[in-house]
N, C-alpha and C. Protein backbone atom coordinates (compact mmCIF):
# COMPACT_ATOMS: atom_id res chain seq x y z
N MET A 1 -24.84 57.56 67.44
CA MET A 1 -23.66 57.80 66.69
C MET A 1 -23.96 57.68 65.19
N ALA A 2 -23.34 58.43 64.40
CA ALA A 2 -23.62 58.47 62.96
C ALA A 2 -23.32 57.09 62.29
N HIS A 3 -22.24 56.41 62.78
CA HIS A 3 -21.87 55.13 62.02
C HIS A 3 -22.88 53.97 62.38
N GLU A 4 -23.85 54.10 63.24
CA GLU A 4 -24.73 53.07 63.60
C GLU A 4 -25.56 52.66 62.39
N LYS A 5 -25.92 53.66 61.55
CA LYS A 5 -26.66 53.37 60.30
C LYS A 5 -25.89 52.48 59.38
N TYR A 6 -24.62 52.36 59.54
CA TYR A 6 -23.78 51.59 58.67
C TYR A 6 -23.39 50.30 59.26
N GLN A 7 -23.88 49.96 60.43
CA GLN A 7 -23.44 48.82 61.27
C GLN A 7 -23.37 47.51 60.53
N THR A 8 -24.35 47.23 59.81
CA THR A 8 -24.39 45.88 59.06
C THR A 8 -23.31 45.94 57.98
N LEU A 9 -23.19 47.01 57.26
CA LEU A 9 -22.09 47.12 56.29
C LEU A 9 -20.74 46.95 56.93
N ILE A 10 -20.46 47.67 58.06
CA ILE A 10 -19.19 47.58 58.73
C ILE A 10 -18.91 46.18 59.15
N GLU A 11 -19.90 45.41 59.58
CA GLU A 11 -19.63 44.05 59.89
C GLU A 11 -19.33 43.17 58.67
N LYS A 12 -19.96 43.43 57.52
CA LYS A 12 -19.64 42.73 56.26
C LYS A 12 -18.28 43.11 55.76
N LEU A 13 -17.93 44.46 55.89
CA LEU A 13 -16.60 44.80 55.50
C LEU A 13 -15.50 44.19 56.31
N HIS A 14 -15.71 44.10 57.56
CA HIS A 14 -14.72 43.47 58.43
C HIS A 14 -14.56 41.93 58.16
N ALA A 15 -15.78 41.28 57.87
CA ALA A 15 -15.69 39.86 57.57
C ALA A 15 -14.94 39.66 56.20
N CYS A 16 -15.28 40.51 55.33
CA CYS A 16 -14.67 40.37 53.95
C CYS A 16 -13.08 40.63 54.02
N MET A 17 -12.74 41.62 54.68
CA MET A 17 -11.34 41.94 54.95
C MET A 17 -10.63 40.63 55.54
N ALA A 18 -11.21 40.12 56.59
CA ALA A 18 -10.58 39.00 57.26
C ALA A 18 -10.53 37.74 56.33
N ALA A 19 -11.64 37.48 55.55
CA ALA A 19 -11.65 36.43 54.62
C ALA A 19 -10.57 36.54 53.48
N CYS A 20 -10.49 37.81 52.94
CA CYS A 20 -9.46 38.19 52.02
C CYS A 20 -8.04 37.96 52.49
N ASN A 21 -7.74 38.45 53.73
CA ASN A 21 -6.47 38.27 54.38
C ASN A 21 -6.11 36.79 54.54
N HIS A 22 -7.09 36.03 54.94
CA HIS A 22 -6.86 34.60 55.12
C HIS A 22 -6.60 33.89 53.78
N CYS A 23 -7.42 34.27 52.79
CA CYS A 23 -7.25 33.67 51.35
C CYS A 23 -5.88 34.09 50.86
N TYR A 24 -5.49 35.33 50.96
CA TYR A 24 -4.16 35.83 50.53
C TYR A 24 -3.06 34.89 51.13
N ASP A 25 -3.13 34.75 52.46
CA ASP A 25 -2.09 33.95 53.17
C ASP A 25 -2.13 32.56 52.62
N ALA A 26 -3.27 31.95 52.50
CA ALA A 26 -3.45 30.57 52.18
C ALA A 26 -2.98 30.33 50.69
N CYS A 27 -3.24 31.23 49.86
CA CYS A 27 -2.92 31.15 48.38
C CYS A 27 -1.32 31.12 48.31
N LEU A 28 -0.68 31.90 49.22
CA LEU A 28 0.81 31.90 49.07
C LEU A 28 1.36 30.45 49.51
N GLU A 29 0.60 29.73 50.18
CA GLU A 29 1.02 28.35 50.49
C GLU A 29 0.64 27.30 49.51
N GLU A 30 -0.13 27.69 48.45
CA GLU A 30 -0.58 26.69 47.54
C GLU A 30 0.69 26.27 46.64
N GLU A 31 0.55 24.99 46.07
CA GLU A 31 1.65 24.45 45.40
C GLU A 31 2.01 25.29 44.10
N ASP A 32 1.07 25.79 43.38
CA ASP A 32 1.21 26.56 42.19
C ASP A 32 0.91 27.98 42.50
N VAL A 33 1.86 28.70 43.15
CA VAL A 33 1.50 30.11 43.53
C VAL A 33 1.24 31.03 42.31
N LYS A 34 2.00 30.77 41.24
CA LYS A 34 1.85 31.55 40.04
C LYS A 34 0.32 31.51 39.56
N MET A 35 -0.22 30.33 39.60
CA MET A 35 -1.64 30.24 39.17
C MET A 35 -2.53 31.08 40.02
N MET A 36 -2.14 31.28 41.29
CA MET A 36 -2.93 31.94 42.24
C MET A 36 -2.71 33.53 42.21
N ALA A 37 -1.84 34.04 41.35
CA ALA A 37 -1.41 35.40 41.35
C ALA A 37 -2.50 36.36 41.21
N GLY A 38 -3.53 36.16 40.33
CA GLY A 38 -4.63 37.06 40.23
C GLY A 38 -5.52 37.08 41.52
N CYS A 39 -5.67 35.83 42.15
CA CYS A 39 -6.43 35.74 43.42
C CYS A 39 -5.68 36.52 44.52
N ILE A 40 -4.36 36.38 44.60
CA ILE A 40 -3.59 37.02 45.63
C ILE A 40 -3.67 38.55 45.44
N ARG A 41 -3.48 38.97 44.19
CA ARG A 41 -3.55 40.41 44.00
C ARG A 41 -4.93 41.02 44.32
N LEU A 42 -6.02 40.39 43.94
CA LEU A 42 -7.31 40.98 44.30
C LEU A 42 -7.71 40.82 45.70
N ASP A 43 -7.16 39.69 46.34
CA ASP A 43 -7.38 39.63 47.88
C ASP A 43 -6.75 40.83 48.52
N ARG A 44 -5.60 41.28 48.15
CA ARG A 44 -4.90 42.37 48.70
C ARG A 44 -5.76 43.69 48.51
N GLU A 45 -6.14 43.95 47.24
CA GLU A 45 -6.98 45.09 46.88
C GLU A 45 -8.25 45.13 47.67
N CYS A 46 -8.92 44.02 47.77
CA CYS A 46 -10.22 43.93 48.43
C CYS A 46 -10.05 44.14 49.95
N ALA A 47 -9.07 43.48 50.56
CA ALA A 47 -8.88 43.60 52.03
C ALA A 47 -8.48 45.08 52.32
N ASP A 48 -7.68 45.68 51.48
CA ASP A 48 -7.33 47.15 51.80
C ASP A 48 -8.57 48.08 51.66
N ILE A 49 -9.35 47.92 50.62
CA ILE A 49 -10.48 48.80 50.44
C ILE A 49 -11.56 48.60 51.56
N CYS A 50 -11.73 47.25 51.93
CA CYS A 50 -12.72 46.98 52.93
C CYS A 50 -12.17 47.57 54.31
N ALA A 51 -10.91 47.51 54.62
CA ALA A 51 -10.39 48.06 55.86
C ALA A 51 -10.53 49.57 55.85
N TYR A 52 -10.19 50.19 54.74
CA TYR A 52 -10.32 51.64 54.66
C TYR A 52 -11.75 52.09 54.80
N LEU A 53 -12.67 51.42 54.05
CA LEU A 53 -14.06 51.88 54.04
C LEU A 53 -14.69 51.61 55.46
N GLU A 54 -14.26 50.63 56.15
CA GLU A 54 -14.76 50.33 57.55
C GLU A 54 -14.41 51.50 58.42
N GLN A 55 -13.17 52.05 58.26
CA GLN A 55 -12.70 53.12 59.14
C GLN A 55 -13.32 54.37 58.66
N ALA A 56 -13.63 54.61 57.44
CA ALA A 56 -14.24 55.83 56.89
C ALA A 56 -15.66 55.97 57.41
N LEU A 57 -16.33 54.76 57.37
CA LEU A 57 -17.72 54.77 57.82
C LEU A 57 -17.81 55.05 59.27
N VAL A 58 -16.92 54.60 60.06
CA VAL A 58 -16.91 54.79 61.48
C VAL A 58 -16.76 56.30 61.81
N ARG A 59 -15.93 56.93 60.96
CA ARG A 59 -15.79 58.36 61.36
C ARG A 59 -16.66 59.28 60.46
N ASN A 60 -17.70 58.64 59.90
CA ASN A 60 -18.82 59.27 59.30
C ASN A 60 -18.36 60.02 58.00
N THR A 61 -17.64 59.39 57.09
CA THR A 61 -17.09 60.01 55.86
C THR A 61 -18.26 60.63 55.07
N PRO A 62 -18.08 61.73 54.47
CA PRO A 62 -19.02 62.34 53.57
C PRO A 62 -19.06 61.67 52.20
N PHE A 63 -18.10 60.75 51.97
CA PHE A 63 -17.92 60.07 50.69
C PHE A 63 -18.50 58.70 50.72
N ALA A 64 -19.36 58.43 51.65
CA ALA A 64 -19.83 56.87 51.76
C ALA A 64 -20.32 56.37 50.44
N SER A 65 -21.08 57.14 49.73
CA SER A 65 -21.74 56.61 48.45
C SER A 65 -20.73 56.30 47.47
N GLU A 66 -19.79 57.26 47.23
CA GLU A 66 -18.72 57.00 46.26
C GLU A 66 -17.81 55.90 46.64
N LEU A 67 -17.38 55.79 47.95
CA LEU A 67 -16.49 54.78 48.37
C LEU A 67 -17.11 53.33 48.35
N THR A 68 -18.43 53.26 48.67
CA THR A 68 -19.07 52.04 48.64
C THR A 68 -19.26 51.52 47.24
N GLY A 69 -19.36 52.37 46.29
CA GLY A 69 -19.46 52.02 44.91
C GLY A 69 -18.14 51.43 44.42
N VAL A 70 -17.05 51.97 44.75
CA VAL A 70 -15.79 51.51 44.35
C VAL A 70 -15.58 50.11 45.09
N CYS A 71 -15.91 50.08 46.37
CA CYS A 71 -15.71 48.86 47.19
C CYS A 71 -16.54 47.68 46.56
N ALA A 72 -17.76 47.99 46.23
CA ALA A 72 -18.64 46.95 45.55
C ALA A 72 -17.92 46.37 44.41
N LYS A 73 -17.45 47.18 43.48
CA LYS A 73 -16.69 46.72 42.19
C LYS A 73 -15.53 45.81 42.57
N ILE A 74 -14.74 46.24 43.54
CA ILE A 74 -13.57 45.52 44.01
C ILE A 74 -13.98 44.16 44.61
N CYS A 75 -14.94 44.17 45.48
CA CYS A 75 -15.43 42.96 46.13
C CYS A 75 -15.99 41.97 45.14
N GLN A 76 -16.81 42.48 44.16
CA GLN A 76 -17.28 41.69 43.05
C GLN A 76 -16.19 40.96 42.25
N ALA A 77 -15.16 41.71 41.90
CA ALA A 77 -14.03 41.25 41.06
C ALA A 77 -13.27 40.16 41.92
N CYS A 78 -13.01 40.39 43.09
CA CYS A 78 -12.43 39.47 44.06
C CYS A 78 -13.19 38.25 44.18
N GLY A 79 -14.49 38.41 44.44
CA GLY A 79 -15.25 37.19 44.57
C GLY A 79 -15.32 36.41 43.26
N ASP A 80 -15.34 37.08 42.07
CA ASP A 80 -15.34 36.33 40.82
C ASP A 80 -14.12 35.53 40.58
N GLU A 81 -12.89 36.19 41.01
CA GLU A 81 -11.65 35.53 40.88
C GLU A 81 -11.56 34.36 41.82
N CYS A 82 -11.98 34.55 43.11
CA CYS A 82 -11.76 33.44 44.07
C CYS A 82 -12.76 32.34 43.70
N ASN A 83 -13.89 32.64 43.11
CA ASN A 83 -14.88 31.62 42.77
C ASN A 83 -14.35 30.66 41.75
N LYS A 84 -13.34 31.00 40.92
CA LYS A 84 -12.71 30.22 39.87
C LYS A 84 -11.85 29.04 40.60
N HIS A 85 -11.61 29.14 41.83
CA HIS A 85 -10.70 28.25 42.47
C HIS A 85 -11.52 27.33 43.32
N ASP A 86 -11.17 26.08 43.49
CA ASP A 86 -11.88 25.04 44.29
C ASP A 86 -11.45 25.01 45.79
N HIS A 87 -10.33 25.78 46.12
CA HIS A 87 -9.83 25.76 47.54
C HIS A 87 -10.88 26.31 48.42
N LYS A 88 -11.01 25.70 49.56
CA LYS A 88 -11.96 26.16 50.51
C LYS A 88 -11.83 27.59 50.88
N HIS A 89 -10.57 28.01 51.10
CA HIS A 89 -10.26 29.38 51.48
C HIS A 89 -10.74 30.33 50.38
N CYS A 90 -10.65 29.92 49.10
CA CYS A 90 -11.12 30.78 47.96
C CYS A 90 -12.67 30.85 47.95
N GLN A 91 -13.32 29.75 48.15
CA GLN A 91 -14.69 29.64 48.16
C GLN A 91 -15.29 30.46 49.34
N ASP A 92 -14.69 30.29 50.45
CA ASP A 92 -15.15 31.14 51.60
C ASP A 92 -14.93 32.64 51.42
N CYS A 93 -13.83 33.00 50.68
CA CYS A 93 -13.53 34.41 50.42
C CYS A 93 -14.60 34.86 49.41
N ALA A 94 -14.87 34.13 48.36
CA ALA A 94 -15.82 34.61 47.42
C ALA A 94 -17.21 34.93 48.05
N LYS A 95 -17.61 34.01 48.94
CA LYS A 95 -18.89 34.22 49.61
C LYS A 95 -18.85 35.52 50.42
N ALA A 96 -17.75 35.78 51.13
CA ALA A 96 -17.64 37.04 51.87
C ALA A 96 -17.67 38.23 50.95
N CYS A 97 -16.94 38.09 49.86
CA CYS A 97 -16.77 39.24 48.95
C CYS A 97 -18.18 39.50 48.32
N TYR A 98 -18.97 38.57 47.94
CA TYR A 98 -20.24 38.74 47.36
C TYR A 98 -21.24 39.35 48.34
N GLU A 99 -21.25 38.87 49.52
CA GLU A 99 -22.08 39.50 50.58
C GLU A 99 -21.65 41.02 50.81
N CYS A 100 -20.37 41.27 50.79
CA CYS A 100 -20.01 42.58 51.07
C CYS A 100 -20.36 43.56 49.87
N ALA A 101 -20.20 43.02 48.65
CA ALA A 101 -20.51 43.72 47.51
C ALA A 101 -21.94 44.11 47.49
N GLU A 102 -22.85 43.17 47.85
CA GLU A 102 -24.34 43.45 47.97
C GLU A 102 -24.60 44.57 48.99
N ALA A 103 -23.94 44.45 50.12
CA ALA A 103 -24.15 45.42 51.27
C ALA A 103 -23.72 46.76 50.75
N CYS A 104 -22.57 46.82 50.01
CA CYS A 104 -22.01 48.11 49.56
C CYS A 104 -22.96 48.71 48.52
N LYS A 105 -23.58 47.90 47.63
CA LYS A 105 -24.48 48.41 46.59
C LYS A 105 -25.78 49.04 47.24
N GLN A 106 -26.17 48.64 48.36
CA GLN A 106 -27.31 49.18 49.03
C GLN A 106 -27.10 50.54 49.50
N ILE A 107 -25.75 50.97 49.75
CA ILE A 107 -25.48 52.31 50.11
C ILE A 107 -25.03 53.21 48.92
N ALA A 108 -24.35 52.58 47.99
CA ALA A 108 -23.87 53.39 46.90
C ALA A 108 -24.92 54.08 46.05
């Protein structure tokens, strides 16, 4: 199957989406939600692009290079924002985002 060549990236995308969704939800429970607004916003952006790209790769999109380039930028930005916060969910999310960004860059 065509998507098998993207299997590692698909796994990274799924892990990143899950970490971002968890971080998003946990940020909403933080005491100072306003301080977490940037993190929450980027968590949503990142989770959405990762979910879309995962689906697109499975169906063998002809736009893999372009989409992975965009995804890498969003994952990097989300990782950078999450890395500013000491919460475990933010640090776990940053790690997943950075790993996904690197995997995307290899295809882009």
